[in-house]
Amino acid sequence: MSMLPSDGKANELAGTYPGDVGNEIHRLAEALSSSSVLHDAEASIILPDQVEALKFQGVSHTHYRLHGITLCGKKVVARVPRRSEFGHEPNAALEYQSAAFQRLFPSGHVPELLDSLSPSPLLPRGALLVEEIEGRMARLPDDLPAIAAALAAIHRLPLPSPTSRGPLQNPDRPLDAIR
């Protein structure tokens, strides 16, 4: 997977994030421990101190590094949705996000989707478990060529047949759909 070069500051992504992160860490640890996704992980019980909130968050997700846990031999980050960009119900939102990761992974610029946690009382919107990519945040304008290369690789991917494009949106007139 292509990524921005590490500058030895991998921990710059670690830290705390405002909000209900402490409670969510406990809920995520409990949800992971009670799920079947850890069948090939090194541990079947996840303790809250193994879950670290990442400092830099997405607009719609909180990201957590899972220390000491591997799936398919890869380190894991949990993406816990805070909201749905398209107003989907939780199961439909996870299906949409999963499809996006699976469709874009062959570009070499998107983490691999390793598994997911279904919505539950502990995690009402569920979570995606993705491959951890070590690196750093983009620095503009210096990293624009790397960003452009990643976007170009994504846009070079073959488009599935029209009947195979769901659940991702596929409007006939894309520019009209974003207005």
Foldseek 3Di string as FASTA:
>chain_A
DDDAAAPPPLCLFFDDDDDPVLLLLQLVQVLQLPDCLQVVWPDSHADSVQWTWTHDDDPFWTKIFGHRTDFPNFGKIKTAGPAAPVRDQLVQSVVQVQVVQVLQVVLVQGWHFRAWGGADPSRNNTITITGDDGHDDDDPPVCVVVVVSSVVSSVPRDDDDPVPNPPHDDDPDVVVVVD
